[in-house]
Protein backbone atom coordinates (compact mmCIF):
# COMPACT_ATOMS: atom_id res chain seq x y z
CA MET A 1 0.00 0.00 0.00
CA SER A 2 1.52 3.30 -1.11
CA VAL A 3 1.84 6.24 1.25
CA VAL A 4 0.31 9.62 0.40
CA ASP A 5 1.91 12.68 1.90
CA VAL A 6 -1.38 14.47 2.70
CA VAL A 7 -4.96 13.22 2.64
CA VAL A 8 -7.63 15.92 2.80
CA VAL A 9 -11.16 14.99 3.88
CA GLY A 10 -13.81 17.15 2.23
CA ALA A 11 -14.06 19.01 -1.08
CA GLY A 12 -15.80 22.18 0.01
CA PHE A 13 -14.24 25.63 0.40
CA ALA A 14 -11.76 24.47 3.07
CA GLY A 15 -10.62 21.30 1.33
CA LEU A 16 -10.20 22.80 -2.12
CA GLY A 17 -8.40 25.80 -0.64
CA MET A 18 -6.07 23.47 1.24
CA VAL A 19 -5.11 21.60 -1.92
CA ASP A 20 -4.55 24.88 -3.74
CA ALA A 21 -2.21 26.08 -0.97
CA LEU A 22 -0.32 22.78 -0.95
CA ARG A 23 0.20 22.75 -4.69
CA ARG A 24 1.32 26.38 -4.73
CA ALA A 25 3.91 25.32 -2.15
CA GLY A 26 5.12 22.55 -4.47
CA ARG A 27 3.33 19.75 -2.64
CA ASP A 28 1.54 17.63 -5.22
CA ASP A 29 1.37 14.36 -3.29
CA VAL A 30 -2.15 14.95 -2.02
CA VAL A 31 -5.47 13.11 -2.24
CA VAL A 32 -8.91 14.53 -1.44
CA ILE A 33 -11.66 12.17 -0.37
CA GLU A 34 -15.25 13.41 -0.62
CA ARG A 35 -18.29 11.39 0.43
CA ALA A 36 -20.67 13.04 -2.05
CA ASP A 37 -20.77 12.78 -5.83
CA ASP A 38 -19.75 16.41 -6.37
CA VAL A 39 -17.59 19.09 -4.77
CA GLY A 40 -19.00 22.15 -3.02
CA GLY A 41 -19.79 21.20 0.56
CA THR A 42 -22.56 23.34 2.00
CA TRP A 43 -23.22 24.93 -1.40
CA ARG A 44 -23.80 21.49 -2.88
CA ASP A 45 -26.07 20.39 -0.05
CA ASN A 46 -28.17 23.52 0.49
CA THR A 47 -30.45 24.06 -2.48
CA TYR A 48 -33.53 25.48 -0.76
CA PRO A 49 -35.40 28.34 -2.46
CA GLY A 50 -33.58 31.64 -1.95
CA VAL A 51 -30.28 30.13 -0.77
CA ALA A 52 -27.48 32.67 -1.02
CA CYS A 53 -24.42 33.88 0.84
CA ASP A 54 -24.59 36.85 3.22
CA ILE A 55 -20.97 37.84 2.52
CA PRO A 56 -20.31 39.82 -0.68
CA ALA A 57 -19.30 37.37 -3.40
CA HIS A 58 -16.06 39.12 -4.36
CA LEU A 59 -14.82 38.45 -0.82
CA TYR A 60 -16.45 35.06 -0.40
CA SER A 61 -13.96 33.54 -2.82
CA TYR A 62 -10.28 32.59 -2.82
CA ALA A 63 -7.67 35.31 -3.04
CA THR A 64 -5.84 33.04 -5.48
CA HIS A 65 -8.95 32.58 -7.64
CA PRO A 66 -10.58 36.01 -7.93
CA HIS A 67 -13.77 35.98 -9.97
CA ALA A 68 -15.04 39.06 -11.79
CA GLY A 69 -18.18 37.43 -13.13
CA TRP A 70 -20.40 37.30 -10.04
CA SER A 71 -23.90 38.27 -11.13
CA ARG A 72 -25.02 39.66 -7.76
CA THR A 73 -23.46 41.33 -4.73
CA PHE A 74 -24.58 38.36 -2.64
CA ALA A 75 -24.22 35.29 -4.81
CA ALA A 76 -26.90 32.64 -5.01
CA GLY A 77 -25.99 29.15 -3.89
CA HIS A 78 -25.89 27.63 -7.37
CA GLU A 79 -23.45 30.32 -8.53
CA ILE A 80 -21.08 29.65 -5.62
CA GLN A 81 -21.35 25.94 -6.33
CA GLN A 82 -20.35 26.51 -9.94
CA TYR A 83 -17.41 28.65 -8.82
CA LEU A 84 -16.17 25.78 -6.65
CA ARG A 85 -16.59 23.33 -9.52
CA ASP A 86 -14.49 25.63 -11.70
CA VAL A 87 -11.77 25.81 -9.04
CA ALA A 88 -11.85 22.03 -8.60
CA ALA A 89 -11.44 21.45 -12.34
CA GLY A 90 -7.74 22.15 -12.02
CA ILE A 91 -7.24 19.47 -9.34
CA ARG A 92 -9.85 16.95 -10.42
CA ASP A 93 -7.20 14.24 -10.65
CA ARG A 94 -6.60 14.58 -6.91
CA ILE A 95 -10.26 14.27 -5.87
CA ARG A 96 -11.97 10.96 -5.17
CA LEU A 97 -15.73 11.44 -5.10
CA ARG A 98 -18.15 9.01 -3.43
CA THR A 99 -15.32 8.18 -1.03
CA PRO A 100 -16.39 8.74 2.58
CA LEU A 101 -14.25 8.82 5.68
CA VAL A 102 -15.30 5.70 7.58
CA GLY A 103 -12.46 5.89 10.09
CA ALA A 104 -8.93 7.16 10.61
CA GLU A 105 -6.36 5.98 13.15
CA TRP A 106 -2.82 7.05 13.96
CA ASP A 107 -0.37 4.15 13.66
CA ALA A 108 2.43 4.83 16.15
CA GLU A 109 4.72 2.13 14.73
CA THR A 110 4.78 3.57 11.22
CA SER A 111 3.97 7.20 12.13
CA LEU A 112 1.20 7.20 9.54
CA TRP A 113 -2.51 7.83 9.46
CA ARG A 114 -4.47 4.76 8.36
CA ILE A 115 -7.66 5.93 6.67
CA ASP A 116 -10.62 3.67 5.95
CA THR A 117 -13.01 4.71 3.19
CA GLY A 118 -15.05 1.54 3.21
CA ALA A 119 -13.80 0.51 -0.22
CA GLU A 120 -10.08 0.92 0.39
CA GLN A 121 -7.43 1.79 2.94
CA LEU A 122 -5.20 4.82 2.54
CA GLN A 123 -1.99 5.64 4.39
CA ALA A 124 -0.94 9.25 4.88
CA ARG A 125 1.87 11.08 6.62
CA SER A 126 -0.56 13.88 7.43
CA LEU A 127 -4.34 14.14 7.58
CA VAL A 128 -6.36 17.32 7.06
CA LEU A 129 -9.98 17.34 8.18
CA ALA A 130 -11.82 19.89 6.04
CA CYS A 131 -15.25 18.46 6.77
CA GLY A 132 -17.07 21.69 7.52
CA ARG A 133 -19.00 22.65 10.63
CA LEU A 134 -22.46 22.88 9.03
CA THR A 135 -22.80 19.49 7.38
CA GLU A 136 -25.11 17.36 9.53
CA PRO A 137 -28.64 18.76 9.90
CA HIS A 138 -29.92 19.10 13.45
CA VAL A 139 -33.38 17.59 13.89
CA PRO A 140 -34.85 18.69 17.22
CA ALA A 141 -36.60 16.23 19.51
CA ILE A 142 -40.24 17.21 18.95
CA ASP A 143 -42.91 15.00 20.44
CA GLY A 144 -44.83 13.19 17.69
CA LEU A 145 -42.73 14.48 14.81
CA GLU A 146 -42.83 11.07 13.16
CA SER A 147 -46.64 11.24 13.01
CA PHE A 148 -46.68 14.09 10.50
CA PRO A 149 -48.38 12.62 7.40
CA GLY A 150 -47.11 14.99 4.73
CA PRO A 151 -43.67 15.78 3.30
CA LEU A 152 -41.18 16.58 6.08
CA PHE A 153 -37.58 17.57 5.41
CA HIS A 154 -34.71 19.73 6.65
CA SER A 155 -33.86 22.88 4.72
CA ALA A 156 -30.38 21.44 4.00
CA ARG A 157 -31.96 18.36 2.41
CA TRP A 158 -34.55 20.11 0.30
CA ASP A 159 -37.02 17.81 -1.46
CA HIS A 160 -37.45 19.36 -4.90
CA GLY A 161 -39.98 16.68 -5.78
CA VAL A 162 -42.56 18.31 -3.51
CA ASP A 163 -44.78 20.87 -5.22
CA LEU A 164 -45.55 23.56 -2.64
CA THR A 165 -48.05 25.42 -4.82
CA GLY A 166 -51.27 25.87 -2.88
CA LYS A 167 -49.95 24.02 0.17
CA ARG A 168 -49.98 25.06 3.81
CA VAL A 169 -46.30 25.05 4.73
CA ALA A 170 -44.93 25.22 8.25
CA VAL A 171 -41.33 26.32 8.81
CA VAL A 172 -39.57 25.66 12.10
CA GLY A 173 -36.78 28.12 12.90
CA THR A 174 -35.90 31.74 12.18
CA GLY A 175 -32.16 31.53 11.53
CA ALA A 176 -30.18 32.31 8.40
CA SER A 177 -31.83 29.67 6.21
CA ALA A 178 -35.39 30.51 7.26
CA VAL A 179 -34.87 34.22 6.68
CA GLN A 180 -33.97 33.45 3.06
CA LEU A 181 -36.52 30.69 2.63
CA VAL A 182 -39.74 32.19 4.02
CA PRO A 183 -40.06 35.07 1.50
CA GLU A 184 -39.70 32.57 -1.35
CA LEU A 185 -42.27 30.18 0.10
CA ALA A 186 -44.71 33.03 0.67
CA GLN A 187 -44.84 33.56 -3.09
CA THR A 188 -45.93 30.01 -3.92
CA ALA A 189 -47.53 28.37 -0.89
CA ALA A 190 -51.15 28.92 0.05
CA HIS A 191 -49.93 29.98 3.48
CA VAL A 192 -46.78 29.78 5.59
CA THR A 193 -46.71 29.31 9.36
CA LEU A 194 -43.39 30.25 10.90
CA PHE A 195 -42.47 28.85 14.32
CA GLN A 196 -40.08 31.25 16.02
CA ARG A 197 -38.31 30.19 19.20
CA THR A 198 -36.16 33.33 19.29
CA PRO A 199 -36.24 36.38 16.99
CA ALA A 200 -33.06 37.43 15.22
CA TRP A 201 -31.39 40.79 14.82
CA ILE A 202 -31.83 41.59 11.12
CA VAL A 203 -30.13 44.44 9.25
CA PRO A 204 -30.69 45.69 5.68
CA ARG A 205 -29.05 43.56 3.03
CA GLY A 206 -28.77 45.95 0.11
CA GLY A 207 -26.75 44.91 -2.87
CA GLY A 208 -28.41 43.57 -6.00
CA GLU A 209 -27.51 42.61 -9.53
CA ILE A 210 -24.07 43.55 -10.83
CA ALA A 211 -24.39 45.14 -14.25
CA PRO A 212 -22.67 43.34 -17.16
CA GLU A 213 -20.59 46.48 -17.79
CA GLU A 214 -19.26 46.39 -14.22
CA ARG A 215 -18.41 42.71 -14.52
CA GLU A 216 -16.56 43.41 -17.75
CA ARG A 217 -14.68 46.30 -16.13
CA LEU A 218 -13.54 44.09 -13.25
CA ALA A 219 -12.56 41.32 -15.67
CA GLN A 220 -10.42 43.73 -17.65
CA SER A 221 -8.82 45.29 -14.58
CA PRO A 222 -7.36 42.88 -12.02
CA GLY A 223 -6.26 45.90 -10.01
CA ALA A 224 -9.83 47.16 -9.72
CA LEU A 225 -10.99 43.72 -8.62
CA ALA A 226 -8.24 43.56 -5.99
CA ARG A 227 -9.20 47.03 -4.71
CA LEU A 228 -12.85 45.99 -4.45
CA ARG A 229 -11.87 42.93 -2.46
CA ALA A 230 -9.72 45.06 -0.16
CA GLU A 231 -12.60 47.48 0.41
CA LEU A 232 -14.98 44.63 1.25
CA TYR A 233 -12.41 43.13 3.60
CA ALA A 234 -12.03 46.45 5.44
CA GLU A 235 -15.80 46.82 5.73
CA GLY A 236 -16.03 43.33 7.18
CA GLU A 237 -13.28 43.95 9.71
CA ALA A 238 -15.03 47.13 10.79
CA ARG A 239 -18.15 45.10 11.61
CA PHE A 240 -16.27 43.23 14.32
CA ALA A 241 -16.79 46.08 16.77
CA SER A 242 -20.59 45.89 16.65
CA ARG A 243 -20.64 42.08 16.75
CA SER A 244 -18.20 41.77 19.67
CA GLY A 245 -19.73 44.25 22.08
CA ASP A 246 -18.12 47.63 21.51
CA ALA A 247 -20.67 49.87 23.20
CA ALA A 248 -20.95 52.63 20.59
CA ALA A 249 -20.76 50.32 17.57
CA SER A 250 -23.26 47.86 19.06
CA ALA A 251 -25.72 50.66 19.90
CA ALA A 252 -25.50 52.07 16.39
CA ALA A 253 -26.01 48.66 14.81
CA ARG A 254 -28.90 47.88 17.15
CA ASP A 255 -30.55 51.18 16.27
CA ALA A 256 -30.14 50.43 12.56
CA ALA A 257 -31.71 47.00 13.01
CA LEU A 258 -34.66 48.42 14.97
CA ALA A 259 -35.15 51.15 12.37
CA HIS A 260 -35.20 48.46 9.68
CA LEU A 261 -37.83 46.52 11.63
CA HIS A 262 -40.00 49.62 12.21
CA ALA A 263 -39.76 50.65 8.56
CA GLN A 264 -40.95 47.27 7.32
CA VAL A 265 -43.44 46.10 9.97
CA ALA A 266 -46.35 48.44 10.79
CA ASP A 267 -48.17 46.26 13.33
CA PRO A 268 -46.85 47.08 16.85
CA ALA A 269 -47.70 43.62 18.21
CA LEU A 270 -45.90 41.88 15.36
CA ARG A 271 -42.93 44.23 15.75
CA ALA A 272 -42.76 43.34 19.44
CA ALA A 273 -42.76 39.63 18.63
CA LEU A 274 -39.92 40.15 16.14
CA THR A 275 -37.77 42.24 18.50
CA PRO A 276 -34.92 40.34 20.19
CA ASP A 277 -34.52 40.67 23.96
CA TYR A 278 -30.80 39.91 23.92
CA ALA A 279 -27.68 41.87 23.03
CA PHE A 280 -26.90 42.68 19.41
CA GLY A 281 -24.35 40.16 18.15
CA CYS A 282 -25.15 37.46 20.71
CA LYS A 283 -26.63 35.32 17.95
CA ARG A 284 -25.74 35.48 14.29
CA VAL A 285 -26.81 38.80 12.80
CA LEU A 286 -28.89 38.25 9.67
CA LEU A 287 -29.23 40.25 6.47
CA SER A 288 -32.56 40.59 4.68
CA ASP A 289 -34.76 43.14 2.97
CA ALA A 290 -37.48 40.59 2.19
CA PHE A 291 -38.10 38.70 5.44
CA TYR A 292 -40.01 41.35 7.41
CA PRO A 293 -42.34 42.27 4.52
CA ALA A 294 -43.12 38.57 4.02
CA VAL A 295 -43.89 38.00 7.70
CA ALA A 296 -46.01 41.16 7.78
CA SER A 297 -48.07 40.01 4.80
CA ASP A 298 -51.25 37.97 4.96
CA ARG A 299 -49.35 35.06 3.37
CA VAL A 300 -47.43 34.32 6.59
CA THR A 301 -48.47 33.69 10.18
CA LEU A 302 -45.78 34.19 12.82
CA GLU A 303 -46.08 31.80 15.72
CA PRO A 304 -43.76 33.46 18.25
CA THR A 305 -43.05 30.27 20.18
CA ALA A 306 -41.37 26.97 19.39
CA LEU A 307 -43.05 23.94 17.88
CA ASP A 308 -43.84 21.75 20.89
CA ARG A 309 -45.85 18.80 19.60
CA VAL A 310 -47.02 17.18 16.37
CA ASP A 311 -50.27 15.23 16.16
CA GLY A 312 -50.61 14.23 12.53
CA ALA A 313 -51.17 17.40 10.53
CA MET A 314 -51.87 19.43 13.68
CA LEU A 315 -48.88 21.36 15.02
CA THR A 316 -49.05 22.63 18.59
CA ALA A 317 -46.80 25.48 19.66
CA ALA A 318 -45.36 26.05 23.12
CA SER A 319 -48.00 28.78 23.48
CA GLY A 320 -50.74 26.17 23.11
CA ARG A 321 -51.87 27.57 19.77
CA GLN A 322 -52.49 25.02 17.02
CA HIS A 323 -51.74 25.23 13.31
CA GLU A 324 -52.44 22.78 10.50
CA ALA A 325 -49.92 22.12 7.75
CA ASP A 326 -49.51 20.02 4.63
CA VAL A 327 -45.71 20.31 4.50
CA LEU A 328 -43.24 20.69 7.37
CA VAL A 329 -39.78 22.23 6.82
CA LEU A 330 -37.16 22.11 9.57
CA ALA A 331 -34.83 25.11 9.29
CA THR A 332 -33.26 24.07 12.57
CA GLY A 333 -29.56 24.37 11.96
CA PHE A 334 -26.76 21.86 12.24
CA ALA A 335 -24.74 19.75 14.66
CA SER A 336 -22.06 22.42 15.01
CA THR A 337 -20.44 22.18 18.43
CA GLN A 338 -20.19 18.38 18.30
CA GLN A 339 -18.61 17.58 14.96
CA PRO A 340 -19.88 14.32 13.40
CA TYR A 341 -16.41 13.31 12.18
CA ALA A 342 -14.96 13.41 15.70
CA ASP A 343 -16.05 9.84 16.50
CA LEU A 344 -14.27 8.54 13.40
CA VAL A 345 -10.77 9.84 14.17
CA ARG A 346 -8.54 8.09 16.73
CA GLY A 347 -5.21 9.56 17.73
CA GLU A 348 -2.52 8.17 19.99
CA SER A 349 -4.90 7.07 22.75
CA HIS A 350 -8.47 8.27 22.11
CA THR A 351 -10.88 9.70 19.56
CA LEU A 352 -11.43 13.35 18.78
CA ALA A 353 -14.91 13.03 20.25
CA GLN A 354 -13.39 11.87 23.54
CA HIS A 355 -10.79 14.63 23.45
CA TRP A 356 -13.56 17.15 22.83
CA GLU A 357 -16.08 15.69 25.29
CA THR A 358 -16.44 19.07 27.03
CA GLY A 359 -16.07 21.12 23.85
CA MET A 360 -13.59 21.50 21.01
CA THR A 361 -10.06 22.62 21.82
CA SER A 362 -6.93 23.12 19.74
CA PHE A 363 -3.83 25.18 19.25
CA GLY A 364 -4.15 27.82 16.56
CA SER A 365 -7.68 26.58 15.84
CA THR A 366 -5.94 23.98 13.67
CA VAL A 367 -3.86 21.34 15.53
CA VAL A 368 -4.83 19.12 18.47
CA SER A 369 -2.73 17.47 21.16
CA GLY A 370 -2.74 13.68 21.04
CA PHE A 371 -3.29 13.70 17.27
CA PRO A 372 0.09 13.85 15.50
CA ASN A 373 0.25 15.30 11.99
CA LEU A 374 -3.48 16.08 12.09
CA PHE A 375 -4.93 19.42 11.01
CA VAL A 376 -8.52 20.58 11.41
CA LEU A 377 -9.83 23.34 9.16
CA ASN A 378 -13.00 25.30 9.93
CA GLY A 379 -13.22 23.58 13.30
CA PRO A 380 -12.56 24.89 16.82
CA ASN A 381 -12.65 28.69 17.08
CA ALA A 382 -12.21 29.21 13.35
CA SER A 383 -15.62 30.68 12.49
CA LEU A 384 -16.47 34.36 12.16
CA GLY A 385 -19.49 36.50 12.89
CA HIS A 386 -18.35 39.57 10.96
CA ASN A 387 -16.33 38.71 7.85
CA SER A 388 -15.74 36.04 5.22
CA ALA A 389 -15.05 32.54 6.56
CA VAL A 390 -12.94 31.88 3.46
CA LEU A 391 -10.33 34.28 4.83
CA MET A 392 -9.95 32.12 7.94
CA MET A 393 -9.64 28.95 5.89
CA GLU A 394 -6.87 30.56 3.83
CA GLU A 395 -4.98 31.52 7.00
CA GLN A 396 -5.30 27.98 8.31
CA ALA A 397 -4.14 26.49 5.01
CA ALA A 398 -1.07 28.73 5.08
CA TYR A 399 -0.36 27.58 8.64
CA VAL A 400 -0.63 23.93 7.56
CA VAL A 401 1.90 24.53 4.77
CA ARG A 402 4.35 26.06 7.25
CA ALA A 403 3.77 23.23 9.72
CA LEU A 404 4.45 20.61 7.06
CA ALA A 405 7.76 22.30 6.32
CA GLU A 406 8.57 21.97 10.03
CA ARG A 407 7.50 18.32 9.92
CA ASP A 408 9.89 17.65 7.06
CA ARG A 409 12.80 19.10 9.01
CA ARG A 410 12.43 16.31 11.56
CA THR A 411 13.89 12.87 11.12
CA ASP A 412 10.72 11.20 12.38
CA ARG A 413 8.53 13.60 10.38
CA VAL A 414 6.06 13.83 13.27
CA LEU A 415 4.46 16.91 14.82
CA ARG A 416 2.99 16.45 18.28
CA VAL A 417 1.17 19.39 19.84
CA ARG A 418 2.20 20.10 23.41
CA PRO A 419 -0.86 19.79 25.69
CA GLU A 420 0.33 22.90 27.50
CA ALA A 421 0.24 24.87 24.25
CA GLU A 422 -3.32 23.74 23.55
CA ALA A 423 -4.42 24.56 27.10
CA ALA A 424 -2.85 28.02 26.90
CA TYR A 425 -4.56 28.75 23.57
CA THR A 426 -7.89 27.59 25.01
CA GLU A 427 -7.44 29.98 27.93
CA GLU A 428 -6.47 32.73 25.52
CA ILE A 429 -9.74 32.23 23.63
CA ALA A 430 -11.76 32.16 26.85
CA ALA A 431 -10.19 35.39 28.10
CA ALA A 432 -10.81 37.19 24.80
CA ALA A 433 -14.42 35.97 24.69
CA ALA A 434 -15.36 36.54 28.32
CA SER A 435 -16.92 39.99 27.95
CA THR A 436 -18.39 39.58 24.46
CA PRO A 437 -22.12 39.31 23.68
CA TRP A 438 -21.57 35.69 22.64
CA MET A 439 -20.93 34.88 26.30
CA THR A 440 -22.81 37.62 28.17
CA GLY A 441 -25.53 38.74 25.76
CA GLY A 442 -28.41 36.75 27.20
CA CYS A 443 -29.07 34.36 24.34
CA ARG A 444 -28.44 30.76 23.43
CA ASN A 445 -26.27 30.50 20.33
CA TRP A 446 -24.52 27.81 18.35
CA TYR A 447 -21.12 29.35 19.01
CA VAL A 448 -21.01 28.14 22.64
CA ASP A 449 -20.76 24.49 23.66
CA GLU A 450 -23.55 23.70 26.10
CA ARG A 451 -21.46 21.05 27.85
CA SER A 452 -18.81 23.45 29.07
CA GLY A 453 -20.19 26.91 28.41
CA ARG A 454 -17.06 27.73 26.38
CA LEU A 455 -16.98 29.59 23.10
CA THR A 456 -15.81 26.81 20.78
CA LEU A 457 -16.91 27.86 17.27
CA LEU A 458 -16.03 31.54 16.89
CA TRP A 459 -12.65 33.22 16.74
CA PRO A 460 -13.10 36.14 19.16
CA GLY A 461 -11.10 38.60 17.10
CA THR A 462 -10.56 40.06 13.66
CA VAL A 463 -9.17 38.22 10.66
CA GLN A 464 -6.04 40.35 10.94
CA ALA A 465 -5.61 39.24 14.55
CA PHE A 466 -5.95 35.60 13.47
CA HIS A 467 -3.37 36.16 10.74
CA GLU A 468 -0.95 37.68 13.24
CA ARG A 469 -1.57 34.89 15.75
CA LEU A 470 -0.82 32.12 13.27
CA THR A 471 2.09 33.79 11.48
CA GLY A 472 3.55 34.63 14.88
CA THR A 473 3.93 30.97 15.87
CA ASP A 474 7.49 29.66 15.96
CA GLY A 475 6.98 25.91 16.18
CA SER A 476 7.12 25.87 19.98
CA GLU A 477 3.54 24.59 20.00
CA PHE A 478 5.02 21.23 19.01
CA GLU A 479 7.09 18.91 21.13
CA PRO A 480 10.82 19.27 20.38
CA ALA A 481 12.11 17.34 17.39
CA HIS A 482 14.15 14.29 18.19
CA THR A 483 16.91 14.97 15.71
CA PRO A 484 16.82 17.72 13.09
CA VAL A 485 17.66 16.87 9.52
CA ARG A 486 21.04 18.28 8.52
CA GLY A 487 20.93 19.95 5.16
């Protein structure tokens, strides 16, 4: 069995970006395994009506693969998916589709990762988990859910075979997917009932179609495209203040969100039901110009409490109110704090799930003690609430390239994270997060692990701060090399 230098799990933004970074560094001995039959990750899986990104498209793309042809400021899901297919075309020979990760185990005798895909075994000197954090839909435990007689599906597993025309559709959840989905459903369904456990802070989206002339101008001027990306980056970094609890910035953003609500919803009772009672930024801030008008229309009924019980077609809310539906859509998020792949990966003495039993930890949001030569992208403390997640993935990929160079300077070619380094980084995250709305804002969010109360998903700083943190590492996060290679 041949040995591959690097195996990457996942062919979404993180995985494809990792391969691109490796190849630009002259590392071609890489294989990507992807369980699905196409690349794209979340943009392959989420095909619900209205799906789009809430980061401007020119920034929600790789710095090494700028794209002038985006048709809208905020690209639709299918357009992002096509962009990723185009990027993957250059590395298609490295990607094995329909090849899931069944299990991976560190072999101490050979200092290799043994990777089981079900059909074959792979051996790798290093393993990169680029599996994404929003891949496994969360289905809440709702009494009697299985008794619902009509079509029932999660927004991330949209059933396009169901014709919603003239149907009574119930949507559970008011997060990012629901805010995009409900206005679309309101145009086709006979009626939409929206079950809201907690209202979201929503700010104007703006943007729109990008004129063909502007696309042509950007295509003809790489400098103009680079300047646009830089401007969008700076705007995103500036949003960190309002999301992280800066008093003046948070107050201004909160006022803008309330003004948006008041401008679009005339009914005082409905406005009250849609007004959050927690700090701005505590939960993910959403962008929409269409959600409030849809909810305020006679096509949508807002049920301002959670779905409590299902008795056939009758849906009972926590308030006791009852609503009938023909179709039930769960826009209920994902298993984010407890990553599904964690049970499949065993290091020197235990699995990632066991290591993370009280919440994810790492050094540099990328490497984990007890798991030699393992790298996790888009995992612990690598998400953002204010800027493009692709920027974080690119920083992590660059860190992996530097770490592999360090690995190759060692005779045993093994990198072991010092537990003390991981513990110190975890404390560093906790200290930075302690006073932020994510921890003190009075809401329940998917950034915080309920088992420990720690912030485990978000990086509590700017992208620039993350860049400086990772580029400032000197290799001391790893146990000393046994014997350096003499050049």
